[in-house]
N, C-alpha and C. Protein backbone atom coordinates (compact mmCIF):
# COMPACT_ATOMS: atom_id res chain seq x y z
N MET A 1 16.07 10.36 18.84
CA MET A 1 14.90 9.59 18.45
C MET A 1 14.62 9.71 16.95
N GLU A 2 14.74 10.94 16.43
CA GLU A 2 14.50 11.11 15.00
C GLU A 2 15.48 10.28 14.18
N LYS A 3 16.75 10.28 14.59
CA LYS A 3 17.76 9.51 13.87
C LYS A 3 17.44 8.02 13.93
N PHE A 4 17.03 7.54 15.10
CA PHE A 4 16.67 6.12 15.24
C PHE A 4 15.50 5.77 14.33
N LEU A 5 14.49 6.63 14.31
CA LEU A 5 13.31 6.37 13.48
C LEU A 5 13.69 6.32 12.00
N LEU A 6 14.53 7.26 11.57
CA LEU A 6 14.92 7.31 10.17
C LEU A 6 15.77 6.10 9.78
N LEU A 7 16.72 5.73 10.64
CA LEU A 7 17.59 4.60 10.32
C LEU A 7 16.82 3.28 10.34
N SER A 8 15.95 3.11 11.33
CA SER A 8 15.16 1.87 11.39
C SER A 8 14.16 1.82 10.25
N HIS A 9 13.64 2.97 9.86
CA HIS A 9 12.72 3.05 8.73
C HIS A 9 13.42 2.61 7.44
N ALA A 10 14.63 3.12 7.21
CA ALA A 10 15.38 2.77 6.01
C ALA A 10 15.79 1.30 6.02
N GLY A 11 16.27 0.84 7.18
CA GLY A 11 16.68 -0.56 7.29
C GLY A 11 15.51 -1.51 7.08
N SER A 12 14.37 -1.17 7.64
CA SER A 12 13.17 -1.99 7.45
C SER A 12 12.74 -2.01 5.99
N GLY A 13 12.94 -0.89 5.32
CA GLY A 13 12.59 -0.82 3.90
C GLY A 13 13.40 -1.81 3.08
N ILE A 14 14.67 -1.95 3.38
CA ILE A 14 15.53 -2.91 2.68
C ILE A 14 15.04 -4.34 2.93
N ILE A 15 14.68 -4.63 4.19
CA ILE A 15 14.17 -5.96 4.54
C ILE A 15 12.88 -6.26 3.78
N VAL A 16 11.99 -5.30 3.74
CA VAL A 16 10.71 -5.47 3.05
C VAL A 16 10.90 -5.73 1.56
N LEU A 17 11.82 -5.00 0.94
CA LEU A 17 12.07 -5.20 -0.48
C LEU A 17 12.57 -6.61 -0.75
N ALA A 18 13.43 -7.13 0.12
CA ALA A 18 13.97 -8.47 -0.06
C ALA A 18 12.89 -9.54 0.17
N ILE A 19 12.15 -9.42 1.27
CA ILE A 19 11.12 -10.41 1.59
C ILE A 19 10.02 -10.40 0.54
N GLY A 20 9.62 -9.21 0.10
CA GLY A 20 8.56 -9.11 -0.90
C GLY A 20 8.92 -9.80 -2.19
N LEU A 21 10.16 -9.63 -2.62
CA LEU A 21 10.60 -10.27 -3.86
C LEU A 21 10.61 -11.79 -3.71
N ILE A 22 11.08 -12.27 -2.57
CA ILE A 22 11.13 -13.72 -2.34
C ILE A 22 9.72 -14.31 -2.33
N ASN A 23 8.80 -13.65 -1.63
CA ASN A 23 7.45 -14.19 -1.53
C ASN A 23 6.66 -14.05 -2.82
N LEU A 24 7.05 -13.11 -3.65
CA LEU A 24 6.35 -12.96 -4.93
C LEU A 24 6.57 -14.18 -5.81
N ILE A 25 7.78 -14.73 -5.76
CA ILE A 25 8.10 -15.87 -6.61
C ILE A 25 8.06 -17.19 -5.84
N ASN A 26 7.90 -17.10 -4.51
CA ASN A 26 7.87 -18.30 -3.67
C ASN A 26 6.54 -19.03 -3.84
N ARG A 27 6.54 -20.34 -3.60
CA ARG A 27 5.32 -21.13 -3.74
C ARG A 27 4.31 -20.71 -2.69
N LYS A 28 3.12 -20.32 -3.16
CA LYS A 28 2.07 -19.88 -2.25
C LYS A 28 1.49 -21.08 -1.52
N GLY A 29 1.18 -20.88 -0.24
CA GLY A 29 0.64 -21.95 0.56
C GLY A 29 1.69 -22.69 1.37
N ALA A 30 2.95 -22.48 1.06
CA ALA A 30 4.02 -23.15 1.80
C ALA A 30 4.23 -22.46 3.15
N LYS A 31 4.81 -23.19 4.12
CA LYS A 31 5.06 -22.61 5.44
C LYS A 31 6.03 -21.44 5.35
N ALA A 32 7.01 -21.56 4.47
CA ALA A 32 7.98 -20.48 4.33
C ALA A 32 7.30 -19.21 3.85
N HIS A 33 6.33 -19.36 2.95
CA HIS A 33 5.60 -18.19 2.44
C HIS A 33 4.83 -17.51 3.57
N ALA A 34 4.17 -18.31 4.39
CA ALA A 34 3.40 -17.75 5.50
C ALA A 34 4.30 -17.08 6.53
N LEU A 35 5.45 -17.71 6.84
CA LEU A 35 6.38 -17.14 7.82
C LEU A 35 6.96 -15.83 7.32
N LEU A 36 7.42 -15.82 6.07
CA LEU A 36 7.97 -14.60 5.50
C LEU A 36 6.90 -13.52 5.38
N GLY A 37 5.67 -13.97 5.12
CA GLY A 37 4.57 -13.01 5.03
C GLY A 37 4.33 -12.29 6.34
N LYS A 38 4.40 -13.02 7.46
CA LYS A 38 4.23 -12.40 8.76
C LYS A 38 5.37 -11.42 9.06
N MET A 39 6.58 -11.81 8.67
CA MET A 39 7.73 -10.92 8.85
C MET A 39 7.56 -9.67 8.00
N TYR A 40 7.06 -9.84 6.79
CA TYR A 40 6.84 -8.72 5.88
C TYR A 40 5.83 -7.74 6.48
N ILE A 41 4.73 -8.26 6.98
CA ILE A 41 3.67 -7.41 7.53
C ILE A 41 4.17 -6.66 8.76
N GLY A 42 4.83 -7.37 9.68
CA GLY A 42 5.34 -6.71 10.88
C GLY A 42 6.34 -5.61 10.54
N THR A 43 7.23 -5.91 9.60
CA THR A 43 8.24 -4.91 9.20
C THR A 43 7.59 -3.73 8.49
N MET A 44 6.61 -4.02 7.63
CA MET A 44 5.93 -2.95 6.91
C MET A 44 5.14 -2.06 7.86
N TRP A 45 4.54 -2.65 8.87
CA TRP A 45 3.81 -1.83 9.84
C TRP A 45 4.74 -0.93 10.64
N TRP A 46 5.95 -1.41 10.93
CA TRP A 46 6.91 -0.53 11.58
C TRP A 46 7.33 0.60 10.65
N ILE A 47 7.47 0.30 9.37
CA ILE A 47 7.79 1.35 8.40
C ILE A 47 6.72 2.43 8.42
N CYS A 48 5.46 2.00 8.42
CA CYS A 48 4.35 2.96 8.43
C CYS A 48 4.32 3.74 9.73
N LEU A 49 4.51 3.05 10.86
CA LEU A 49 4.48 3.72 12.16
C LEU A 49 5.63 4.70 12.30
N SER A 50 6.83 4.28 11.93
CA SER A 50 7.99 5.18 12.04
C SER A 50 7.82 6.39 11.13
N ALA A 51 7.24 6.16 9.94
CA ALA A 51 6.99 7.29 9.04
C ALA A 51 6.00 8.26 9.66
N LEU A 52 4.93 7.73 10.24
CA LEU A 52 3.93 8.60 10.87
C LEU A 52 4.51 9.37 12.05
N LEU A 53 5.40 8.74 12.81
CA LEU A 53 6.03 9.43 13.95
C LEU A 53 6.94 10.57 13.47
N VAL A 54 7.73 10.29 12.43
CA VAL A 54 8.61 11.34 11.88
C VAL A 54 7.78 12.48 11.32
N ILE A 55 6.71 12.11 10.58
CA ILE A 55 5.85 13.12 9.97
C ILE A 55 5.15 13.96 11.04
N SER A 56 4.69 13.31 12.10
CA SER A 56 3.91 14.00 13.12
C SER A 56 4.76 14.91 14.00
N PHE A 57 5.99 14.51 14.30
CA PHE A 57 6.78 15.24 15.30
C PHE A 57 7.99 15.99 14.73
N TYR A 58 8.42 15.66 13.52
CA TYR A 58 9.65 16.26 13.01
C TYR A 58 9.49 16.93 11.64
N ARG A 59 8.86 16.24 10.69
CA ARG A 59 8.80 16.76 9.32
C ARG A 59 7.40 16.55 8.77
N PHE A 60 6.46 17.40 9.19
CA PHE A 60 5.06 17.17 8.84
C PHE A 60 4.83 17.28 7.33
N SER A 61 4.10 16.30 6.80
CA SER A 61 3.68 16.30 5.40
C SER A 61 2.40 15.50 5.31
N PHE A 62 1.29 16.18 5.06
CA PHE A 62 0.01 15.48 4.97
C PHE A 62 0.01 14.50 3.81
N PHE A 63 0.67 14.86 2.73
CA PHE A 63 0.75 13.97 1.57
C PHE A 63 1.40 12.64 1.95
N LEU A 64 2.57 12.70 2.60
CA LEU A 64 3.27 11.48 2.99
C LEU A 64 2.51 10.72 4.08
N MET A 65 1.77 11.44 4.91
CA MET A 65 0.97 10.78 5.94
C MET A 65 -0.08 9.88 5.30
N VAL A 66 -0.74 10.37 4.27
CA VAL A 66 -1.77 9.57 3.60
C VAL A 66 -1.15 8.39 2.87
N ILE A 67 0.04 8.58 2.30
CA ILE A 67 0.73 7.47 1.64
C ILE A 67 1.04 6.37 2.66
N ALA A 68 1.44 6.77 3.86
CA ALA A 68 1.70 5.79 4.92
C ALA A 68 0.43 5.07 5.33
N VAL A 69 -0.68 5.80 5.40
CA VAL A 69 -1.97 5.20 5.75
C VAL A 69 -2.38 4.19 4.67
N LEU A 70 -2.24 4.56 3.41
CA LEU A 70 -2.61 3.66 2.32
C LEU A 70 -1.74 2.40 2.33
N THR A 71 -0.45 2.56 2.60
CA THR A 71 0.45 1.41 2.66
C THR A 71 0.07 0.48 3.80
N PHE A 72 -0.22 1.08 4.97
CA PHE A 72 -0.68 0.27 6.10
C PHE A 72 -1.95 -0.48 5.74
N TYR A 73 -2.89 0.22 5.11
CA TYR A 73 -4.17 -0.41 4.80
C TYR A 73 -4.01 -1.57 3.83
N SER A 74 -3.09 -1.45 2.90
CA SER A 74 -2.85 -2.54 1.96
C SER A 74 -2.41 -3.81 2.68
N THR A 75 -1.47 -3.66 3.61
CA THR A 75 -1.00 -4.84 4.35
C THR A 75 -2.07 -5.33 5.32
N PHE A 76 -2.85 -4.41 5.88
CA PHE A 76 -3.95 -4.78 6.78
C PHE A 76 -4.96 -5.65 6.04
N VAL A 77 -5.35 -5.21 4.86
CA VAL A 77 -6.29 -5.99 4.06
C VAL A 77 -5.67 -7.32 3.65
N GLY A 78 -4.39 -7.29 3.31
CA GLY A 78 -3.71 -8.50 2.86
C GLY A 78 -3.76 -9.62 3.88
N ILE A 79 -3.63 -9.27 5.17
CA ILE A 79 -3.68 -10.29 6.22
C ILE A 79 -5.10 -10.54 6.69
N ARG A 80 -5.93 -9.51 6.73
CA ARG A 80 -7.29 -9.68 7.22
C ARG A 80 -8.14 -10.52 6.27
N VAL A 81 -7.87 -10.45 4.99
CA VAL A 81 -8.69 -11.18 4.04
C VAL A 81 -8.57 -12.69 4.25
N ILE A 82 -7.42 -13.14 4.73
CA ILE A 82 -7.25 -14.56 5.03
C ILE A 82 -8.10 -14.93 6.25
N LYS A 83 -8.12 -14.07 7.26
CA LYS A 83 -8.96 -14.31 8.43
C LYS A 83 -10.43 -14.26 8.06
N ARG A 84 -10.81 -13.30 7.23
CA ARG A 84 -12.21 -13.16 6.82
C ARG A 84 -12.66 -14.34 5.99
N LYS A 85 -11.75 -14.90 5.23
CA LYS A 85 -12.08 -16.09 4.43
C LYS A 85 -12.50 -17.24 5.35
N ARG A 86 -11.81 -17.37 6.46
CA ARG A 86 -12.10 -18.47 7.38
C ARG A 86 -13.31 -18.18 8.25
N ALA A 87 -13.43 -16.92 8.69
CA ALA A 87 -14.55 -16.56 9.57
C ALA A 87 -15.84 -16.31 8.79
N GLY A 88 -15.67 -15.88 7.55
CA GLY A 88 -16.84 -15.64 6.70
C GLY A 88 -17.54 -14.32 6.92
N LYS A 89 -16.91 -13.40 7.66
CA LYS A 89 -17.53 -12.10 7.88
C LYS A 89 -16.49 -11.06 8.24
N GLU A 90 -16.91 -9.78 8.15
CA GLU A 90 -16.03 -8.68 8.52
C GLU A 90 -16.29 -8.30 9.97
N GLU A 91 -15.25 -7.85 10.66
CA GLU A 91 -15.39 -7.35 12.02
C GLU A 91 -15.55 -5.83 11.99
N TRP A 92 -15.86 -5.26 13.15
CA TRP A 92 -16.09 -3.82 13.21
C TRP A 92 -14.84 -3.04 12.80
N TYR A 93 -13.65 -3.59 13.13
CA TYR A 93 -12.43 -2.86 12.82
C TYR A 93 -12.10 -2.90 11.33
N ASP A 94 -12.64 -3.88 10.59
CA ASP A 94 -12.50 -3.85 9.13
C ASP A 94 -13.23 -2.63 8.57
N TRP A 95 -14.44 -2.40 9.08
CA TRP A 95 -15.21 -1.23 8.68
C TRP A 95 -14.51 0.06 9.09
N ALA A 96 -14.01 0.11 10.32
CA ALA A 96 -13.39 1.33 10.85
C ALA A 96 -12.14 1.71 10.07
N VAL A 97 -11.27 0.73 9.80
CA VAL A 97 -10.02 1.03 9.10
C VAL A 97 -10.31 1.43 7.65
N ALA A 98 -11.27 0.75 7.01
CA ALA A 98 -11.64 1.11 5.64
C ALA A 98 -12.22 2.53 5.59
N GLY A 99 -13.07 2.85 6.55
CA GLY A 99 -13.65 4.20 6.60
C GLY A 99 -12.61 5.27 6.83
N ALA A 100 -11.68 5.02 7.76
CA ALA A 100 -10.62 6.00 8.03
C ALA A 100 -9.74 6.20 6.81
N THR A 101 -9.45 5.11 6.11
CA THR A 101 -8.63 5.20 4.89
C THR A 101 -9.33 6.05 3.84
N MET A 102 -10.63 5.84 3.67
CA MET A 102 -11.39 6.64 2.71
C MET A 102 -11.34 8.12 3.07
N LEU A 103 -11.49 8.45 4.37
CA LEU A 103 -11.48 9.84 4.80
C LEU A 103 -10.11 10.48 4.58
N PHE A 104 -9.04 9.74 4.85
CA PHE A 104 -7.70 10.26 4.58
C PHE A 104 -7.54 10.57 3.09
N GLY A 105 -8.06 9.68 2.24
CA GLY A 105 -7.98 9.90 0.80
C GLY A 105 -8.73 11.15 0.37
N ILE A 106 -9.92 11.35 0.92
CA ILE A 106 -10.70 12.55 0.61
C ILE A 106 -9.94 13.79 1.07
N GLY A 107 -9.32 13.69 2.24
CA GLY A 107 -8.53 14.81 2.75
C GLY A 107 -7.38 15.16 1.82
N LEU A 108 -6.73 14.13 1.25
CA LEU A 108 -5.61 14.38 0.35
C LEU A 108 -6.08 15.01 -0.96
N ILE A 109 -7.26 14.64 -1.41
CA ILE A 109 -7.83 15.29 -2.59
C ILE A 109 -8.03 16.78 -2.31
N GLY A 110 -8.59 17.08 -1.15
CA GLY A 110 -8.78 18.48 -0.77
C GLY A 110 -7.45 19.22 -0.67
N TYR A 111 -6.44 18.54 -0.15
CA TYR A 111 -5.11 19.14 -0.05
C TYR A 111 -4.55 19.45 -1.43
N GLY A 112 -4.80 18.57 -2.38
CA GLY A 112 -4.34 18.80 -3.75
C GLY A 112 -4.94 20.07 -4.33
N PHE A 113 -6.24 20.22 -4.16
CA PHE A 113 -6.89 21.44 -4.67
C PHE A 113 -6.40 22.68 -3.91
N TYR A 114 -6.09 22.51 -2.63
CA TYR A 114 -5.58 23.64 -1.84
C TYR A 114 -4.23 24.11 -2.37
N THR A 115 -3.37 23.17 -2.77
CA THR A 115 -2.07 23.57 -3.33
C THR A 115 -2.26 24.31 -4.65
N PHE A 116 -3.28 23.91 -5.43
CA PHE A 116 -3.58 24.63 -6.67
C PHE A 116 -3.99 26.07 -6.35
N TYR A 117 -4.78 26.22 -5.28
CA TYR A 117 -5.24 27.55 -4.87
C TYR A 117 -4.07 28.43 -4.44
N LEU A 118 -3.12 27.84 -3.72
CA LEU A 118 -1.98 28.62 -3.23
C LEU A 118 -1.07 29.08 -4.36
N THR A 119 -0.90 28.23 -5.37
CA THR A 119 0.03 28.55 -6.45
C THR A 119 -0.67 29.13 -7.69
N ASN A 120 -2.00 29.13 -7.67
CA ASN A 120 -2.80 29.61 -8.82
C ASN A 120 -2.54 28.82 -10.10
N SER A 121 -2.03 27.61 -9.95
CA SER A 121 -1.78 26.77 -11.12
C SER A 121 -1.51 25.33 -10.67
N PRO A 122 -1.69 24.37 -11.58
CA PRO A 122 -1.38 22.98 -11.24
C PRO A 122 0.10 22.83 -10.88
N ASN A 123 0.41 21.96 -9.94
CA ASN A 123 1.78 21.68 -9.56
C ASN A 123 1.91 20.19 -9.28
N ILE A 124 3.13 19.70 -9.22
CA ILE A 124 3.35 18.26 -9.12
C ILE A 124 2.79 17.70 -7.81
N VAL A 125 2.94 18.45 -6.70
CA VAL A 125 2.43 17.97 -5.41
C VAL A 125 0.91 17.87 -5.46
N GLY A 126 0.28 18.88 -6.04
CA GLY A 126 -1.17 18.87 -6.15
C GLY A 126 -1.68 17.74 -7.02
N LEU A 127 -1.02 17.54 -8.15
CA LEU A 127 -1.43 16.47 -9.07
C LEU A 127 -1.25 15.10 -8.43
N LEU A 128 -0.12 14.89 -7.75
CA LEU A 128 0.10 13.61 -7.07
C LEU A 128 -0.90 13.42 -5.93
N SER A 129 -1.25 14.53 -5.25
CA SER A 129 -2.23 14.44 -4.17
C SER A 129 -3.59 14.01 -4.70
N LEU A 130 -3.99 14.56 -5.84
CA LEU A 130 -5.25 14.15 -6.44
C LEU A 130 -5.22 12.69 -6.87
N LEU A 131 -4.11 12.28 -7.44
CA LEU A 131 -3.98 10.91 -7.93
C LEU A 131 -3.99 9.90 -6.78
N PHE A 132 -3.11 10.10 -5.80
CA PHE A 132 -3.03 9.15 -4.69
C PHE A 132 -4.21 9.30 -3.74
N GLY A 133 -4.70 10.53 -3.59
CA GLY A 133 -5.88 10.72 -2.76
C GLY A 133 -7.09 10.03 -3.35
N GLY A 134 -7.25 10.14 -4.66
CA GLY A 134 -8.36 9.46 -5.32
C GLY A 134 -8.26 7.96 -5.18
N GLY A 135 -7.05 7.42 -5.36
CA GLY A 135 -6.84 5.99 -5.22
C GLY A 135 -7.10 5.51 -3.80
N THR A 136 -6.66 6.30 -2.82
CA THR A 136 -6.86 5.93 -1.41
C THR A 136 -8.33 5.97 -1.04
N ALA A 137 -9.01 7.04 -1.44
CA ALA A 137 -10.44 7.17 -1.13
C ALA A 137 -11.24 6.05 -1.79
N TYR A 138 -10.91 5.75 -3.05
CA TYR A 138 -11.65 4.71 -3.76
C TYR A 138 -11.41 3.33 -3.13
N THR A 139 -10.19 3.08 -2.69
CA THR A 139 -9.88 1.80 -2.06
C THR A 139 -10.73 1.58 -0.82
N GLY A 140 -10.75 2.59 0.06
CA GLY A 140 -11.56 2.48 1.27
C GLY A 140 -13.04 2.38 0.97
N PHE A 141 -13.53 3.22 0.04
CA PHE A 141 -14.94 3.22 -0.32
C PHE A 141 -15.36 1.89 -0.95
N SER A 142 -14.51 1.36 -1.82
CA SER A 142 -14.81 0.10 -2.49
C SER A 142 -14.98 -1.04 -1.49
N ASP A 143 -14.09 -1.07 -0.48
CA ASP A 143 -14.19 -2.12 0.53
C ASP A 143 -15.44 -1.94 1.39
N LEU A 144 -15.75 -0.71 1.76
CA LEU A 144 -16.97 -0.46 2.53
C LEU A 144 -18.21 -0.89 1.75
N ARG A 145 -18.22 -0.60 0.48
CA ARG A 145 -19.36 -0.99 -0.36
C ARG A 145 -19.48 -2.51 -0.43
N ASN A 146 -18.35 -3.17 -0.59
CA ASN A 146 -18.38 -4.64 -0.64
C ASN A 146 -18.82 -5.25 0.69
N PHE A 147 -18.39 -4.64 1.79
CA PHE A 147 -18.83 -5.12 3.11
C PHE A 147 -20.36 -5.04 3.22
N LYS A 148 -20.91 -3.89 2.79
CA LYS A 148 -22.34 -3.65 2.94
C LYS A 148 -23.16 -4.55 2.03
N MET A 149 -22.72 -4.70 0.78
CA MET A 149 -23.50 -5.46 -0.19
C MET A 149 -23.41 -6.96 0.08
N ALA A 150 -22.27 -7.40 0.61
CA ALA A 150 -22.08 -8.81 0.96
C ALA A 150 -22.50 -9.74 -0.18
N LYS A 151 -21.98 -9.47 -1.37
CA LYS A 151 -22.31 -10.31 -2.51
C LYS A 151 -21.71 -11.71 -2.36
N PRO A 152 -22.34 -12.71 -2.96
CA PRO A 152 -21.74 -14.05 -2.95
C PRO A 152 -20.35 -14.01 -3.57
N LYS A 153 -19.41 -14.72 -2.96
CA LYS A 153 -18.02 -14.66 -3.40
C LYS A 153 -17.61 -15.95 -4.09
N THR A 154 -16.70 -15.82 -5.03
CA THR A 154 -16.14 -17.00 -5.66
C THR A 154 -15.18 -17.68 -4.67
N ASN A 155 -14.80 -18.91 -4.97
CA ASN A 155 -13.95 -19.66 -4.05
C ASN A 155 -12.58 -19.02 -3.85
N ASP A 156 -12.10 -18.32 -4.88
CA ASP A 156 -10.75 -17.75 -4.79
C ASP A 156 -10.75 -16.23 -4.63
N TRP A 157 -11.87 -15.66 -4.18
CA TRP A 157 -11.95 -14.20 -4.04
C TRP A 157 -10.86 -13.68 -3.10
N TRP A 158 -10.64 -14.42 -2.00
CA TRP A 158 -9.68 -13.99 -0.99
C TRP A 158 -8.25 -14.01 -1.54
N LEU A 159 -7.97 -14.97 -2.42
CA LEU A 159 -6.61 -15.08 -2.97
C LEU A 159 -6.30 -13.89 -3.87
N ARG A 160 -7.27 -13.53 -4.70
CA ARG A 160 -7.08 -12.37 -5.57
C ARG A 160 -6.88 -11.09 -4.76
N GLN A 161 -7.72 -10.92 -3.73
CA GLN A 161 -7.61 -9.70 -2.92
C GLN A 161 -6.33 -9.71 -2.09
N HIS A 162 -5.95 -10.87 -1.58
CA HIS A 162 -4.71 -10.98 -0.79
C HIS A 162 -3.50 -10.58 -1.64
N MET A 163 -3.40 -11.13 -2.83
CA MET A 163 -2.25 -10.84 -3.68
C MET A 163 -2.27 -9.39 -4.17
N SER A 164 -3.46 -8.87 -4.45
CA SER A 164 -3.56 -7.47 -4.90
C SER A 164 -3.13 -6.51 -3.80
N ALA A 165 -3.60 -6.78 -2.56
CA ALA A 165 -3.29 -5.89 -1.45
C ALA A 165 -1.81 -5.96 -1.08
N MET A 166 -1.27 -7.16 -0.97
CA MET A 166 0.14 -7.29 -0.61
C MET A 166 1.03 -6.76 -1.74
N GLY A 167 0.62 -7.02 -2.97
CA GLY A 167 1.37 -6.48 -4.10
C GLY A 167 1.34 -4.96 -4.12
N GLY A 168 0.19 -4.39 -3.76
CA GLY A 168 0.08 -2.94 -3.70
C GLY A 168 1.00 -2.34 -2.65
N SER A 169 1.12 -3.01 -1.51
CA SER A 169 2.03 -2.51 -0.47
C SER A 169 3.49 -2.63 -0.92
N TYR A 170 3.78 -3.68 -1.69
CA TYR A 170 5.15 -3.84 -2.18
C TYR A 170 5.49 -2.76 -3.22
N ILE A 171 4.52 -2.43 -4.05
CA ILE A 171 4.72 -1.33 -5.00
C ILE A 171 4.98 -0.03 -4.24
N ALA A 172 4.27 0.16 -3.13
CA ALA A 172 4.49 1.37 -2.31
C ALA A 172 5.92 1.40 -1.77
N ALA A 173 6.43 0.24 -1.35
CA ALA A 173 7.80 0.18 -0.83
C ALA A 173 8.81 0.50 -1.92
N ILE A 174 8.60 -0.04 -3.10
CA ILE A 174 9.52 0.24 -4.21
C ILE A 174 9.42 1.71 -4.62
N THR A 175 8.21 2.26 -4.58
CA THR A 175 8.03 3.67 -4.92
C THR A 175 8.80 4.56 -3.95
N ALA A 176 8.72 4.24 -2.66
CA ALA A 176 9.46 5.02 -1.66
C ALA A 176 10.95 4.96 -1.94
N PHE A 177 11.44 3.77 -2.27
CA PHE A 177 12.87 3.62 -2.59
C PHE A 177 13.23 4.42 -3.83
N ALA A 178 12.38 4.35 -4.86
CA ALA A 178 12.65 5.06 -6.11
C ALA A 178 12.66 6.57 -5.91
N VAL A 179 11.72 7.07 -5.10
CA VAL A 179 11.64 8.51 -4.87
C VAL A 179 12.87 9.00 -4.10
N GLN A 180 13.27 8.24 -3.09
CA GLN A 180 14.42 8.64 -2.28
C GLN A 180 15.73 8.60 -3.07
N ASN A 181 15.78 7.77 -4.11
CA ASN A 181 17.01 7.62 -4.90
C ASN A 181 16.81 8.01 -6.36
N SER A 182 15.84 8.88 -6.61
CA SER A 182 15.52 9.25 -7.99
C SER A 182 16.67 9.95 -8.70
N ASN A 183 17.57 10.59 -7.93
CA ASN A 183 18.70 11.29 -8.54
C ASN A 183 19.68 10.34 -9.21
N ILE A 184 19.57 9.03 -8.87
CA ILE A 184 20.49 8.06 -9.44
C ILE A 184 20.12 7.71 -10.88
N PHE A 185 18.80 7.59 -11.14
CA PHE A 185 18.37 7.09 -12.45
C PHE A 185 17.44 8.04 -13.20
N LEU A 186 17.19 9.24 -12.66
CA LEU A 186 16.32 10.20 -13.35
C LEU A 186 16.94 11.59 -13.30
N PRO A 187 16.79 12.38 -14.39
CA PRO A 187 17.24 13.77 -14.35
C PRO A 187 16.48 14.53 -13.26
N GLN A 188 17.09 15.54 -12.71
CA GLN A 188 16.50 16.26 -11.59
C GLN A 188 15.12 16.82 -11.91
N ASN A 189 14.92 17.29 -13.13
CA ASN A 189 13.63 17.87 -13.51
C ASN A 189 12.52 16.85 -13.62
N TYR A 190 12.87 15.56 -13.64
CA TYR A 190 11.86 14.51 -13.80
C TYR A 190 11.76 13.63 -12.56
N ALA A 191 12.21 14.14 -11.42
CA ALA A 191 12.19 13.35 -10.19
C ALA A 191 10.77 12.93 -9.81
N GLY A 192 9.79 13.76 -10.14
CA GLY A 192 8.40 13.44 -9.81
C GLY A 192 7.90 12.18 -10.50
N VAL A 193 8.52 11.81 -11.60
CA VAL A 193 8.12 10.61 -12.33
C VAL A 193 8.33 9.35 -11.49
N ALA A 194 9.27 9.41 -10.54
CA ALA A 194 9.56 8.25 -9.70
C ALA A 194 8.35 7.82 -8.88
N TRP A 195 7.40 8.75 -8.66
CA TRP A 195 6.18 8.39 -7.93
C TRP A 195 5.28 7.47 -8.75
N LEU A 196 5.43 7.49 -10.06
CA LEU A 196 4.51 6.75 -10.93
C LEU A 196 5.14 5.53 -11.59
N LEU A 197 6.45 5.57 -11.84
CA LEU A 197 7.11 4.49 -12.58
C LEU A 197 6.91 3.11 -11.96
N PRO A 198 7.10 2.93 -10.64
CA PRO A 198 6.94 1.59 -10.08
C PRO A 198 5.56 0.99 -10.35
N SER A 199 4.52 1.80 -10.20
CA SER A 199 3.16 1.29 -10.46
C SER A 199 2.99 0.90 -11.92
N LEU A 200 3.50 1.73 -12.83
CA LEU A 200 3.35 1.45 -14.25
C LEU A 200 4.11 0.19 -14.67
N ILE A 201 5.25 -0.04 -14.03
CA ILE A 201 6.08 -1.18 -14.41
C ILE A 201 5.65 -2.47 -13.71
N ILE A 202 5.36 -2.37 -12.41
CA ILE A 202 5.13 -3.58 -11.61
C ILE A 202 3.69 -4.07 -11.66
N SER A 203 2.73 -3.18 -11.83
CA SER A 203 1.33 -3.60 -11.83
C SER A 203 1.03 -4.70 -12.86
N PRO A 204 1.51 -4.58 -14.11
CA PRO A 204 1.27 -5.68 -15.06
C PRO A 204 1.92 -6.99 -14.63
N ILE A 205 3.10 -6.91 -14.00
CA ILE A 205 3.77 -8.12 -13.51
C ILE A 205 2.95 -8.75 -12.40
N LEU A 206 2.43 -7.92 -11.50
CA LEU A 206 1.59 -8.42 -10.42
C LEU A 206 0.34 -9.09 -10.97
N SER A 207 -0.28 -8.48 -11.95
CA SER A 207 -1.48 -9.06 -12.57
C SER A 207 -1.18 -10.43 -13.17
N TYR A 208 0.00 -10.57 -13.76
CA TYR A 208 0.40 -11.86 -14.34
C TYR A 208 0.49 -12.93 -13.25
N PHE A 209 1.13 -12.60 -12.12
CA PHE A 209 1.27 -13.57 -11.04
C PHE A 209 -0.09 -13.93 -10.44
N ILE A 210 -1.00 -12.95 -10.36
CA ILE A 210 -2.33 -13.24 -9.83
C ILE A 210 -3.07 -14.21 -10.75
N ARG A 211 -3.02 -13.97 -12.04
CA ARG A 211 -3.68 -14.87 -12.99
C ARG A 211 -3.06 -16.26 -12.93
N LYS A 212 -1.76 -16.31 -12.84
CA LYS A 212 -1.06 -17.59 -12.77
C LYS A 212 -1.43 -18.36 -11.51
N GLN A 213 -1.51 -17.64 -10.39
CA GLN A 213 -1.83 -18.30 -9.13
C GLN A 213 -3.26 -18.81 -9.11
N ARG A 214 -4.18 -18.07 -9.71
CA ARG A 214 -5.57 -18.51 -9.76
C ARG A 214 -5.72 -19.77 -10.59
N LYS A 215 -4.91 -19.88 -11.63
CA LYS A 215 -4.95 -21.09 -12.45
C LYS A 215 -4.46 -22.31 -11.67
N ASN A 216 -3.55 -22.07 -10.74
CA ASN A 216 -3.04 -23.17 -9.93
C ASN A 216 -4.02 -23.62 -8.86
N LYS A 217 -5.10 -22.81 -8.64
CA LYS A 217 -6.17 -23.14 -7.71
C LYS A 217 -5.66 -23.41 -6.30
N VAL A 218 -4.85 -22.47 -5.82
CA VAL A 218 -4.40 -22.57 -4.44
C VAL A 218 -5.59 -22.29 -3.53
N THR A 219 -5.78 -23.09 -2.49
CA THR A 219 -6.94 -22.92 -1.63
C THR A 219 -6.59 -22.50 -0.21
N SER A 220 -5.30 -22.43 0.10
CA SER A 220 -4.93 -22.00 1.46
C SER A 220 -3.57 -21.36 1.44
N ILE A 221 -3.33 -20.53 2.45
CA ILE A 221 -2.02 -19.88 2.62
C ILE A 221 -1.55 -20.17 4.04
């Protein structure tokens, strides 16, 4: 079972990387974009589930568990925001998933400080835990706050959030690939940098596509 989970996890990762790249440059609103998007989400959710199963039963790592939760939440928001755009409101499970994500992030922050306590000094796992835990907690908290305040939204609010969330999940997929293969393009002592490079490189590109898409005034996906 462990071998099946690992192989299917890796194979799904390759599929996600290919689909994500195609949909990033594909015309938004087209049927092909929507179809590939559904395939992307289903495959990404299996990646997250298989990771959680491996982590829970074979190779426990609270840090990687939270990364899987954050990746799942990104794709969850990416698809739910389209439904919320049409329905005009959040459901109870939007609140529940956002709250759980925030709690996982807070837990990872605590784990980061715990690693500092064990080693009596900052370490790469602790620093990454604080960074990703803070990002995860803020993501969940920010959505909960927006749900509660229910501010008037611009016509394209859903498009910006959809692209940001799906782009964030794609960055997570590339980060996982980079970390697993960091020995190919990074010296061994700098392997930890692979956790940050994809975000630093891809985030500006994603922002460019979001601005470009908003100018095109796409109104449906």
